[in-house]
Structure formats: C-alpha cells, structure tokens
Amino acid sequence: MRNLNVLYVEDDEITRMVLSRQLSAEYSNIFQAADGKEGLRIYKEILPDVVITDLTMPVMSGMEMIMHILEIRPDQPIIVLTGCYDESQHFLDCVVISKPVVATDIFKTVESLGI
C-alpha cells in the first residue's frame, strides 16, 4: 500500500463508493467528495498528492474545481475521469481516462506521474 492522500470527486454515489473501495486497497488515504464545491473544500484542507475527478457534476463542475485548484497549486497532479471526452477539449495539464474506468488504469497513471 502506498502512502498517498487521494481526493476522489464523483457525483454518482455508487461509482464513488466502488472506485473508492478499490483505490483504498492501493493507497492509504482516500478522501471523497460528491461535487466540485465539496471537492475544493476538502482539497484546501488536505492538499492531496493527487486529485481524481469527474467533470460533469452538480453545484460546481469538475472543470471549475480544477481551475480553482490550479490557482492554489499549479503543479497539482490531476486525473480526469470522463465519459464525455472530446479530444478538442482542453484539459490543461490533466491526464484524461475515459469511462468506464478500471482501477488498474488509475494505478498505472498515478505511477506514470511519478507520485
């Protein structure tokens, strides 16, 4: 198990619960949020090693949250999980993984980021 603080932001409760359980098998601390506003609040409290987020969420979108996070820490590693990926979209320096997501894809991505 790697000693990492991971913030996982996903509005679908079942998806969030299932993937969080899988992530907790690999990483020591998984923090969950149901939307971008909650995610940003938690981000400011814990300053995680990596942020994993959906884009389409109520209250505050993942993209809005990402913009706020990058104002705080421009080099924050962020992984975007989305089923709506269009290569013409601009995701700053985020890594994009298309849904449906397999936990091993996230593990490999985190490792490739050198976190």
N, C-alpha and C. Protein backbone atom coordinates (compact mmCIF):
# COMPACT_ATOMS: atom_id res chain seq x y z
N MET A 1 0.85 -1.18 0.00
CA MET A 1 0.00 0.00 0.00
C MET A 1 0.89 1.25 0.00
N ARG A 2 0.57 2.16 -0.89
CA ARG A 2 1.35 3.39 -0.99
C ARG A 2 0.76 4.46 -0.09
N ASN A 3 1.63 5.22 0.56
CA ASN A 3 1.20 6.27 1.47
C ASN A 3 0.89 7.55 0.68
N LEU A 4 -0.31 7.59 0.10
CA LEU A 4 -0.73 8.75 -0.68
C LEU A 4 -2.08 9.24 -0.20
N ASN A 5 -2.25 10.56 -0.21
CA ASN A 5 -3.56 11.17 0.02
C ASN A 5 -4.19 11.41 -1.35
N VAL A 6 -5.33 10.77 -1.58
CA VAL A 6 -6.02 10.86 -2.86
C VAL A 6 -7.39 11.50 -2.63
N LEU A 7 -7.70 12.54 -3.39
CA LEU A 7 -9.02 13.14 -3.37
C LEU A 7 -9.76 12.65 -4.60
N TYR A 8 -10.89 11.99 -4.38
CA TYR A 8 -11.71 11.44 -5.46
C TYR A 8 -13.06 12.15 -5.46
N VAL A 9 -13.36 12.85 -6.57
CA VAL A 9 -14.58 13.65 -6.68
C VAL A 9 -15.46 13.06 -7.78
N GLU A 10 -16.63 12.58 -7.39
CA GLU A 10 -17.56 11.92 -8.32
C GLU A 10 -18.97 12.08 -7.77
N ASP A 11 -19.90 12.53 -8.61
CA ASP A 11 -21.27 12.76 -8.14
C ASP A 11 -22.11 11.49 -8.08
N ASP A 12 -21.78 10.47 -8.84
CA ASP A 12 -22.54 9.22 -8.80
C ASP A 12 -22.10 8.43 -7.57
N GLU A 13 -23.00 8.28 -6.62
CA GLU A 13 -22.66 7.68 -5.33
C GLU A 13 -22.15 6.24 -5.45
N ILE A 14 -22.79 5.44 -6.28
CA ILE A 14 -22.37 4.05 -6.41
C ILE A 14 -20.98 3.96 -7.03
N THR A 15 -20.77 4.71 -8.09
CA THR A 15 -19.44 4.73 -8.73
C THR A 15 -18.38 5.18 -7.73
N ARG A 16 -18.70 6.24 -6.98
CA ARG A 16 -17.76 6.77 -5.99
C ARG A 16 -17.43 5.72 -4.92
N MET A 17 -18.44 5.01 -4.44
CA MET A 17 -18.22 4.01 -3.40
C MET A 17 -17.37 2.84 -3.92
N VAL A 18 -17.70 2.36 -5.10
CA VAL A 18 -16.99 1.21 -5.66
C VAL A 18 -15.53 1.55 -5.95
N LEU A 19 -15.31 2.66 -6.65
CA LEU A 19 -13.93 3.02 -7.00
C LEU A 19 -13.13 3.42 -5.76
N SER A 20 -13.76 4.07 -4.80
CA SER A 20 -13.06 4.43 -3.56
C SER A 20 -12.57 3.18 -2.84
N ARG A 21 -13.40 2.16 -2.82
CA ARG A 21 -13.01 0.90 -2.18
C ARG A 21 -11.80 0.30 -2.91
N GLN A 22 -11.82 0.33 -4.22
CA GLN A 22 -10.69 -0.21 -5.00
C GLN A 22 -9.43 0.62 -4.76
N LEU A 23 -9.58 1.94 -4.73
CA LEU A 23 -8.43 2.82 -4.50
C LEU A 23 -7.84 2.61 -3.12
N SER A 24 -8.70 2.36 -2.13
CA SER A 24 -8.21 2.19 -0.75
C SER A 24 -7.38 0.92 -0.59
N ALA A 25 -7.48 -0.01 -1.53
CA ALA A 25 -6.65 -1.21 -1.48
C ALA A 25 -5.21 -0.89 -1.88
N GLU A 26 -5.03 0.22 -2.58
CA GLU A 26 -3.70 0.59 -3.10
C GLU A 26 -3.10 1.81 -2.39
N TYR A 27 -3.96 2.73 -1.97
CA TYR A 27 -3.49 4.00 -1.39
C TYR A 27 -4.00 4.15 0.04
N SER A 28 -3.19 4.76 0.89
CA SER A 28 -3.51 4.80 2.32
C SER A 28 -4.69 5.69 2.69
N ASN A 29 -4.87 6.83 2.03
CA ASN A 29 -5.92 7.76 2.43
C ASN A 29 -6.74 8.22 1.22
N ILE A 30 -8.02 7.83 1.21
CA ILE A 30 -8.92 8.23 0.13
C ILE A 30 -9.95 9.19 0.73
N PHE A 31 -10.01 10.40 0.18
CA PHE A 31 -10.99 11.38 0.59
C PHE A 31 -12.00 11.52 -0.54
N GLN A 32 -13.29 11.53 -0.20
CA GLN A 32 -14.33 11.55 -1.22
C GLN A 32 -15.14 12.84 -1.17
N ALA A 33 -15.59 13.26 -2.35
CA ALA A 33 -16.48 14.41 -2.46
C ALA A 33 -17.51 14.12 -3.55
N ALA A 34 -18.72 14.67 -3.38
CA ALA A 34 -19.82 14.41 -4.32
C ALA A 34 -19.97 15.48 -5.39
N ASP A 35 -19.25 16.57 -5.28
CA ASP A 35 -19.30 17.62 -6.31
C ASP A 35 -18.06 18.50 -6.19
N GLY A 36 -17.88 19.39 -7.14
CA GLY A 36 -16.69 20.22 -7.18
C GLY A 36 -16.55 21.15 -5.99
N LYS A 37 -17.66 21.67 -5.50
CA LYS A 37 -17.59 22.58 -4.35
C LYS A 37 -17.08 21.86 -3.11
N GLU A 38 -17.63 20.68 -2.86
CA GLU A 38 -17.17 19.88 -1.72
C GLU A 38 -15.72 19.44 -1.95
N GLY A 39 -15.40 19.08 -3.18
CA GLY A 39 -14.04 18.67 -3.51
C GLY A 39 -13.03 19.78 -3.25
N LEU A 40 -13.37 21.00 -3.63
CA LEU A 40 -12.47 22.14 -3.42
C LEU A 40 -12.28 22.40 -1.93
N ARG A 41 -13.36 22.30 -1.16
CA ARG A 41 -13.26 22.50 0.29
C ARG A 41 -12.31 21.46 0.90
N ILE A 42 -12.50 20.20 0.53
CA ILE A 42 -11.63 19.14 1.06
C ILE A 42 -10.20 19.33 0.57
N TYR A 43 -10.06 19.71 -0.69
CA TYR A 43 -8.72 19.94 -1.25
C TYR A 43 -7.93 20.93 -0.39
N LYS A 44 -8.58 22.04 -0.04
CA LYS A 44 -7.90 23.08 0.75
C LYS A 44 -7.52 22.57 2.13
N GLU A 45 -8.28 21.63 2.67
CA GLU A 45 -7.98 21.08 3.99
C GLU A 45 -6.82 20.10 3.98
N ILE A 46 -6.75 19.27 2.95
CA ILE A 46 -5.76 18.17 2.98
C ILE A 46 -4.60 18.33 2.01
N LEU A 47 -4.74 19.17 0.98
CA LEU A 47 -3.73 19.31 -0.07
C LEU A 47 -3.21 17.94 -0.50
N PRO A 48 -4.05 17.17 -1.19
CA PRO A 48 -3.72 15.79 -1.53
C PRO A 48 -2.56 15.65 -2.51
N ASP A 49 -2.04 14.43 -2.58
CA ASP A 49 -0.97 14.13 -3.53
C ASP A 49 -1.50 14.10 -4.95
N VAL A 50 -2.74 13.62 -5.11
CA VAL A 50 -3.36 13.53 -6.43
C VAL A 50 -4.86 13.76 -6.30
N VAL A 51 -5.43 14.40 -7.32
CA VAL A 51 -6.88 14.61 -7.40
C VAL A 51 -7.40 13.78 -8.56
N ILE A 52 -8.46 13.02 -8.33
CA ILE A 52 -9.13 12.25 -9.37
C ILE A 52 -10.56 12.77 -9.43
N THR A 53 -11.00 13.23 -10.60
CA THR A 53 -12.31 13.87 -10.65
C THR A 53 -13.07 13.59 -11.93
N ASP A 54 -14.38 13.58 -11.78
CA ASP A 54 -15.30 13.59 -12.90
C ASP A 54 -15.42 15.04 -13.35
N LEU A 55 -16.01 15.29 -14.50
CA LEU A 55 -16.20 16.65 -14.97
C LEU A 55 -17.62 17.15 -14.77
N THR A 56 -18.60 16.34 -15.14
CA THR A 56 -19.99 16.76 -15.10
C THR A 56 -20.58 16.44 -13.73
N MET A 57 -20.76 17.49 -12.91
CA MET A 57 -21.28 17.33 -11.56
C MET A 57 -22.15 18.53 -11.21
N PRO A 58 -23.06 18.35 -10.27
CA PRO A 58 -23.88 19.48 -9.82
C PRO A 58 -23.08 20.43 -8.94
N VAL A 59 -23.64 21.56 -8.65
CA VAL A 59 -23.11 22.59 -7.76
C VAL A 59 -21.88 23.27 -8.37
N MET A 60 -20.80 22.54 -8.57
CA MET A 60 -19.60 23.06 -9.24
C MET A 60 -19.03 21.94 -10.09
N SER A 61 -18.79 22.22 -11.35
CA SER A 61 -18.27 21.18 -12.25
C SER A 61 -16.83 20.84 -11.90
N GLY A 62 -16.40 19.71 -12.41
CA GLY A 62 -15.02 19.30 -12.22
C GLY A 62 -14.05 20.30 -12.84
N MET A 63 -14.40 20.87 -14.00
CA MET A 63 -13.51 21.83 -14.65
C MET A 63 -13.37 23.10 -13.80
N GLU A 64 -14.48 23.56 -13.23
CA GLU A 64 -14.40 24.74 -12.35
C GLU A 64 -13.51 24.44 -11.14
N MET A 65 -13.70 23.27 -10.55
CA MET A 65 -12.88 22.89 -9.41
C MET A 65 -11.41 22.82 -9.79
N ILE A 66 -11.12 22.24 -10.95
CA ILE A 66 -9.73 22.13 -11.42
C ILE A 66 -9.11 23.52 -11.55
N MET A 67 -9.85 24.46 -12.11
CA MET A 67 -9.32 25.82 -12.29
C MET A 67 -8.95 26.44 -10.92
N HIS A 68 -9.81 26.25 -9.93
CA HIS A 68 -9.52 26.78 -8.58
C HIS A 68 -8.31 26.08 -7.97
N ILE A 69 -8.23 24.76 -8.13
CA ILE A 69 -7.11 24.01 -7.58
C ILE A 69 -5.79 24.47 -8.20
N LEU A 70 -5.79 24.67 -9.51
CA LEU A 70 -4.55 25.08 -10.18
C LEU A 70 -4.13 26.50 -9.83
N GLU A 71 -5.06 27.32 -9.36
CA GLU A 71 -4.69 28.64 -8.83
C GLU A 71 -3.94 28.49 -7.52
N ILE A 72 -4.31 27.49 -6.73
CA ILE A 72 -3.67 27.23 -5.45
C ILE A 72 -2.32 26.54 -5.65
N ARG A 73 -2.32 25.52 -6.51
CA ARG A 73 -1.10 24.75 -6.76
C ARG A 73 -1.03 24.40 -8.25
N PRO A 74 -0.33 25.21 -9.04
CA PRO A 74 -0.28 24.99 -10.50
C PRO A 74 0.26 23.63 -10.94
N ASP A 75 1.05 22.97 -10.10
CA ASP A 75 1.63 21.68 -10.50
C ASP A 75 0.90 20.49 -9.88
N GLN A 76 -0.33 20.71 -9.40
CA GLN A 76 -1.12 19.64 -8.77
C GLN A 76 -1.42 18.53 -9.78
N PRO A 77 -1.02 17.30 -9.51
CA PRO A 77 -1.40 16.18 -10.39
C PRO A 77 -2.91 15.94 -10.32
N ILE A 78 -3.55 15.95 -11.49
CA ILE A 78 -4.99 15.76 -11.58
C ILE A 78 -5.29 14.74 -12.67
N ILE A 79 -6.15 13.79 -12.32
CA ILE A 79 -6.62 12.79 -13.28
C ILE A 79 -8.10 13.03 -13.49
N VAL A 80 -8.50 13.22 -14.74
CA VAL A 80 -9.90 13.45 -15.09
C VAL A 80 -10.50 12.14 -15.60
N LEU A 81 -11.62 11.74 -14.99
CA LEU A 81 -12.35 10.55 -15.43
C LEU A 81 -13.62 11.05 -16.10
N THR A 82 -13.79 10.74 -17.36
CA THR A 82 -14.97 11.25 -18.06
C THR A 82 -15.43 10.31 -19.15
N GLY A 83 -16.72 10.30 -19.34
CA GLY A 83 -17.31 9.56 -20.44
C GLY A 83 -17.60 10.48 -21.60
N CYS A 84 -17.31 11.76 -21.42
CA CYS A 84 -17.65 12.79 -22.42
C CYS A 84 -16.40 13.41 -23.03
N TYR A 85 -15.34 12.65 -23.14
CA TYR A 85 -14.09 13.22 -23.63
C TYR A 85 -14.12 13.45 -25.12
N ASP A 86 -13.76 14.64 -25.49
CA ASP A 86 -13.62 15.04 -26.88
C ASP A 86 -12.22 15.60 -27.01
N GLU A 87 -11.42 15.06 -27.90
CA GLU A 87 -10.02 15.49 -28.00
C GLU A 87 -9.86 16.97 -28.29
N SER A 88 -10.92 17.63 -28.74
CA SER A 88 -10.82 19.07 -28.99
C SER A 88 -10.93 19.86 -27.69
N GLN A 89 -11.38 19.18 -26.61
CA GLN A 89 -11.48 19.86 -25.32
C GLN A 89 -10.09 20.06 -24.74
N HIS A 90 -9.95 21.13 -23.98
CA HIS A 90 -8.66 21.45 -23.37
C HIS A 90 -8.73 21.14 -21.89
N PHE A 91 -7.89 20.26 -21.40
CA PHE A 91 -7.89 19.86 -20.01
C PHE A 91 -6.62 20.31 -19.29
N LEU A 92 -6.07 21.45 -19.70
CA LEU A 92 -4.88 21.97 -19.06
C LEU A 92 -3.82 20.89 -19.07
N ASP A 93 -3.21 20.61 -17.94
CA ASP A 93 -2.19 19.56 -17.88
C ASP A 93 -2.70 18.30 -17.19
N CYS A 94 -4.00 18.11 -17.22
CA CYS A 94 -4.60 16.94 -16.58
C CYS A 94 -4.46 15.71 -17.46
N VAL A 95 -4.38 14.57 -16.81
CA VAL A 95 -4.40 13.29 -17.51
C VAL A 95 -5.87 12.87 -17.62
N VAL A 96 -6.29 12.41 -18.79
CA VAL A 96 -7.68 12.03 -19.00
C VAL A 96 -7.78 10.52 -19.17
N ILE A 97 -8.70 9.91 -18.41
CA ILE A 97 -9.02 8.49 -18.55
C ILE A 97 -10.50 8.41 -18.89
N SER A 98 -10.82 7.73 -19.97
CA SER A 98 -12.22 7.60 -20.39
C SER A 98 -12.96 6.58 -19.54
N LYS A 99 -14.21 6.89 -19.24
CA LYS A 99 -15.08 5.95 -18.53
C LYS A 99 -15.62 4.93 -19.51
N PRO A 100 -15.93 3.74 -19.10
CA PRO A 100 -15.84 3.23 -17.74
C PRO A 100 -14.39 3.02 -17.32
N VAL A 101 -14.13 3.25 -16.06
CA VAL A 101 -12.78 3.23 -15.52
C VAL A 101 -12.50 1.90 -14.83
N VAL A 102 -11.31 1.43 -15.03
CA VAL A 102 -10.82 0.24 -14.32
C VAL A 102 -9.75 0.75 -13.35
N ALA A 103 -9.81 0.32 -12.11
CA ALA A 103 -8.89 0.83 -11.09
C ALA A 103 -7.43 0.67 -11.50
N THR A 104 -7.09 -0.41 -12.19
CA THR A 104 -5.69 -0.61 -12.59
C THR A 104 -5.22 0.50 -13.53
N ASP A 105 -6.14 1.07 -14.32
CA ASP A 105 -5.76 2.20 -15.18
C ASP A 105 -5.33 3.40 -14.33
N ILE A 106 -6.04 3.62 -13.23
CA ILE A 106 -5.68 4.72 -12.33
C ILE A 106 -4.33 4.43 -11.66
N PHE A 107 -4.13 3.21 -11.18
CA PHE A 107 -2.87 2.85 -10.54
C PHE A 107 -1.69 3.08 -11.49
N LYS A 108 -1.83 2.65 -12.73
CA LYS A 108 -0.77 2.83 -13.72
C LYS A 108 -0.53 4.30 -14.00
N THR A 109 -1.62 5.08 -14.07
CA THR A 109 -1.50 6.51 -14.35
C THR A 109 -0.80 7.23 -13.21
N VAL A 110 -1.18 6.93 -11.97
CA VAL A 110 -0.53 7.56 -10.81
C VAL A 110 0.96 7.22 -10.82
N GLU A 111 1.29 5.97 -11.11
CA GLU A 111 2.69 5.56 -11.16
C GLU A 111 3.43 6.30 -12.27
N SER A 112 2.81 6.45 -13.43
CA SER A 112 3.47 7.15 -14.55
C SER A 112 3.67 8.63 -14.26
N LEU A 113 2.87 9.20 -13.37
CA LEU A 113 3.04 10.60 -12.98
C LEU A 113 4.17 10.78 -11.97
N GLY A 114 4.68 9.69 -11.47
CA GLY A 114 5.79 9.75 -10.51
C GLY A 114 5.36 10.20 -9.13
N ILE A 115 4.13 9.95 -8.80
CA ILE A 115 3.61 10.37 -7.49
C ILE A 115 3.92 9.29 -6.47
